[in-house]
Protein backbone atom coordinates (compact mmCIF):
# COMPACT_ATOMS: atom_id res chain seq x y z
CA UNK A 1 3.64 -16.96 44.88
CA UNK A 2 1.98 -15.59 41.82
CA UNK A 3 2.71 -16.68 38.49
CA UNK A 4 4.71 -13.87 37.45
CA UNK A 5 6.98 -14.09 40.53
CA UNK A 6 7.64 -17.49 39.65
CA UNK A 7 8.72 -16.43 36.32
CA UNK A 8 10.95 -13.76 37.39
CA UNK A 9 12.59 -15.87 40.15
CA UNK A 10 13.15 -18.75 37.37
CA UNK A 11 14.95 -16.01 35.23
CA UNK A 12 16.75 -14.91 37.98
CA UNK A 13 18.02 -18.21 38.77
CA UNK A 14 18.86 -19.12 35.48
CA UNK A 15 20.67 -15.87 35.12
CA UNK A 16 22.80 -16.51 38.12
CA UNK A 17 23.87 -19.91 36.90
CA UNK A 18 24.71 -18.62 33.54
CA UNK A 19 27.08 -16.04 35.06
CA UNK A 20 28.66 -18.04 37.51
CA UNK A 21 29.51 -21.30 35.65
CA UNK A 22 31.44 -21.96 32.71
CA UNK A 23 29.19 -22.52 29.66
CA UNK A 24 29.47 -24.70 26.78
CA UNK A 25 29.07 -23.56 23.02
CA UNK A 26 25.17 -23.32 22.31
CA UNK A 27 23.51 -22.35 19.68
CA UNK A 28 20.82 -19.11 19.63
CA UNK A 29 18.00 -21.71 18.99
CA UNK A 30 19.20 -23.50 22.24
CA UNK A 31 19.50 -20.38 24.52
CA UNK A 32 15.90 -19.10 23.24
CA UNK A 33 14.33 -22.68 24.08
CA UNK A 34 16.17 -23.13 27.20
CA UNK A 35 14.87 -19.69 28.16
CA UNK A 36 11.04 -20.85 27.34
CA UNK A 37 11.96 -24.36 29.24
CA UNK A 38 13.06 -22.36 32.37
CA UNK A 39 9.71 -20.21 32.40
CA UNK A 40 7.81 -23.46 31.74
CA UNK A 41 9.67 -24.94 34.88
CA UNK A 42 9.18 -21.96 37.05
CA UNK A 43 5.28 -22.65 36.61
CA UNK A 44 5.15 -26.62 36.42
CA UNK A 45 4.97 -27.53 39.85
CA UNK A 46 1.41 -25.61 39.67
CA UNK A 47 0.33 -28.05 37.41
CA UNK A 48 -1.46 -29.79 40.49
CA UNK A 49 -3.92 -26.55 40.43
CA UNK A 50 -6.75 -26.63 37.95
CA UNK A 51 -6.70 -22.72 37.97
CA UNK A 52 -2.80 -22.50 37.33
CA UNK A 53 -1.32 -20.56 34.22
CA UNK A 54 -0.25 -23.94 32.58
CA UNK A 55 -4.07 -25.22 32.30
CA UNK A 56 -5.50 -21.71 31.48
CA UNK A 57 -3.24 -21.35 28.22
CA UNK A 58 -4.43 -24.80 26.89
CA UNK A 59 -7.76 -24.71 24.72
CA UNK A 60 -9.10 -27.33 27.06
CA UNK A 61 -7.03 -26.76 29.89
CA UNK A 62 -9.67 -25.90 32.58
CA UNK A 63 -11.27 -29.32 32.07
CA UNK A 64 -8.19 -31.38 31.90
CA UNK A 65 -6.81 -29.60 34.97
CA UNK A 66 -9.86 -30.83 36.74
CA UNK A 67 -9.39 -34.15 36.15
CA UNK A 68 -5.73 -34.22 36.46
CA UNK A 69 -5.28 -32.44 39.77
CA UNK A 70 -6.90 -34.99 42.12
CA UNK A 71 -4.63 -37.78 40.36
CA UNK A 72 -1.88 -35.85 41.88
CA UNK A 73 -2.97 -35.33 45.42
CA UNK A 74 -4.23 -31.57 44.76
CA UNK A 75 -2.43 -28.36 45.14
CA UNK A 76 1.11 -28.30 46.73
CA UNK A 77 1.48 -32.31 46.94
CA UNK A 78 3.44 -34.59 45.00
CA UNK A 79 4.69 -31.68 42.42
CA UNK A 80 5.87 -29.50 45.31
CA UNK A 81 8.20 -32.49 46.98
CA UNK A 82 11.51 -33.99 46.13
CA UNK A 83 9.58 -36.65 44.66
CA UNK A 84 7.90 -34.22 42.27
CA UNK A 85 11.52 -32.81 41.49
CA UNK A 86 12.53 -36.28 40.15
CA UNK A 87 9.22 -37.30 38.42
CA UNK A 88 8.94 -33.84 36.69
CA UNK A 89 12.93 -34.01 35.90
CA UNK A 90 12.46 -37.77 34.62
CA UNK A 91 9.65 -36.97 32.33
CA UNK A 92 10.73 -33.67 30.79
CA UNK A 93 14.03 -35.70 30.02
CA UNK A 94 11.92 -38.37 28.45
CA UNK A 95 10.15 -35.65 26.45
CA UNK A 96 13.19 -34.01 25.33
CA UNK A 97 14.63 -37.35 23.93
CA UNK A 98 11.46 -37.70 22.13
CA UNK A 99 11.79 -34.15 20.49
CA UNK A 100 15.60 -34.95 19.85
CA UNK A 101 15.66 -36.45 16.54
CA UNK A 102 13.42 -33.41 15.02
CA UNK A 103 15.70 -30.98 16.64
CA UNK A 104 19.09 -32.09 16.16
CA UNK A 105 20.85 -28.99 16.60
CA UNK A 106 19.25 -28.26 20.12
CA UNK A 107 21.39 -29.16 23.17
CA UNK A 108 18.70 -31.19 25.20
CA UNK A 109 20.96 -31.18 28.11
CA UNK A 110 21.07 -27.28 28.41
CA UNK A 111 17.49 -27.15 28.03
CA UNK A 112 16.61 -29.79 30.54
CA UNK A 113 18.83 -27.93 33.18
CA UNK A 114 17.20 -24.80 32.22
CA UNK A 115 13.71 -26.39 33.07
CA UNK A 116 15.10 -28.09 36.49
CA UNK A 117 16.57 -24.70 37.73
CA UNK A 118 13.15 -23.34 36.91
CA UNK A 119 11.18 -25.89 38.82
CA UNK A 120 13.54 -25.90 42.14
CA UNK A 121 13.12 -22.17 42.00
CA UNK A 122 9.40 -22.48 42.11
CA UNK A 123 9.79 -24.76 44.89
CA UNK A 124 12.19 -22.49 46.90
CA UNK A 125 10.03 -19.59 46.43
CA UNK A 126 6.89 -21.38 47.74
CA UNK A 127 9.03 -22.57 50.92
CA UNK A 128 8.89 -18.84 52.12
CA UNK A 129 5.04 -18.80 51.65
CA UNK A 130 2.70 -19.41 54.66
CA UNK A 131 1.38 -22.51 52.98
CA UNK A 132 5.29 -23.91 53.12
CA UNK A 133 5.91 -27.20 50.67
CA UNK A 134 5.96 -30.69 51.49
CA UNK A 135 9.54 -31.15 50.38
CA UNK A 136 9.78 -34.56 52.11
CA UNK A 137 6.74 -36.55 50.82
CA UNK A 138 5.51 -39.03 51.93
CA UNK A 139 6.11 -37.31 55.32
CA UNK A 140 3.16 -35.21 55.36
CA UNK A 141 4.72 -32.10 56.83
CA UNK A 142 4.99 -28.63 54.95
CA UNK A 143 8.36 -26.67 55.43
CA UNK A 144 8.26 -23.33 55.63
CA UNK A 145 11.11 -20.59 56.17
CA UNK A 146 10.84 -19.03 58.42
CA UNK A 147 9.39 -21.91 60.92
CA UNK A 148 6.59 -19.37 62.31
CA UNK A 149 3.81 -19.24 59.90
CA UNK A 150 3.11 -15.95 60.81
CA UNK A 151 6.15 -14.41 59.53
CA UNK A 152 6.08 -16.07 55.97
CA UNK A 153 4.81 -14.52 52.80
CA UNK A 154 1.23 -14.39 51.90
CA UNK A 155 0.92 -15.37 48.56
CA UNK A 156 -0.51 -12.34 46.18
CA UNK A 157 0.09 -10.14 49.37
CA UNK A 158 1.69 -6.61 49.74
CA UNK A 159 5.48 -8.39 50.49
CA UNK A 160 5.31 -10.29 47.43
CA UNK A 161 4.04 -7.36 45.46
CA UNK A 162 6.21 -4.53 46.92
CA UNK A 163 9.48 -6.31 48.21
CA UNK A 164 9.76 -10.01 46.69
CA UNK A 165 8.76 -9.05 43.17
CA UNK A 166 10.74 -5.71 42.90
CA UNK A 167 13.48 -7.31 44.78
CA UNK A 168 13.93 -10.08 42.12
CA UNK A 169 14.12 -7.41 39.36
CA UNK A 170 16.87 -5.66 41.10
CA UNK A 171 18.48 -8.71 42.01
CA UNK A 172 18.49 -9.84 38.07
CA UNK A 173 19.68 -6.41 37.19
CA UNK A 174 22.47 -6.45 39.42
CA UNK A 175 23.43 -10.09 38.37
CA UNK A 176 23.46 -8.52 34.73
CA UNK A 177 25.19 -5.32 35.57
CA UNK A 178 28.05 -7.02 37.95
CA UNK A 179 28.46 -9.35 35.05
CA UNK A 180 28.17 -7.04 32.07
CA UNK A 181 31.30 -8.38 30.26
CA UNK A 182 30.30 -12.01 30.79
CA UNK A 183 26.88 -11.51 29.34
CA UNK A 184 28.30 -9.83 26.17
CA UNK A 185 30.91 -12.42 25.86
CA UNK A 186 28.03 -15.07 26.12
CA UNK A 187 26.18 -13.03 23.20
CA UNK A 188 28.96 -12.43 20.98
CA UNK A 189 30.80 -15.84 21.45
CA UNK A 190 28.80 -18.58 22.74
CA UNK A 191 25.67 -18.18 20.94
CA UNK A 192 26.28 -19.36 17.52
């Protein structure tokens, strides 16, 4: 999937979790940082590709990306597996704990969960592509749904552009429309 599809999938997944689970009281700052964290999580697995948006947005990202990519096995390897979920989850948690003293009013647990929702949404979306995802590394089998590769989605292809991306927009809209009162309640009472 393309970066914009991963961003939208991460946002849609986070929206679904927000409207279907009871929420603790959070600050507006925590909500905004959690949203950014979610979008970072949505593109983080592609850190294994030197041309990924993550590297393109850093001043020397292209150079660092070309050095870093071989260290983690190349595209759709460790970062696209359950091992990657654990490694990135622990790494993000560690980074948030380092930043916590500087930002005492942020709820780092919520920010961590937002990142993880985005990260897992990325892997789920890539599972329906032709390449599949090596969920069970070190077992070197890429899992895809449906099992027949010919029926899976071509990254950046017509199905992604005209069915999946608009479908995610419609799903996000549906989530907000059908849970309008809960979203308003969140905005009025939870974000302080």
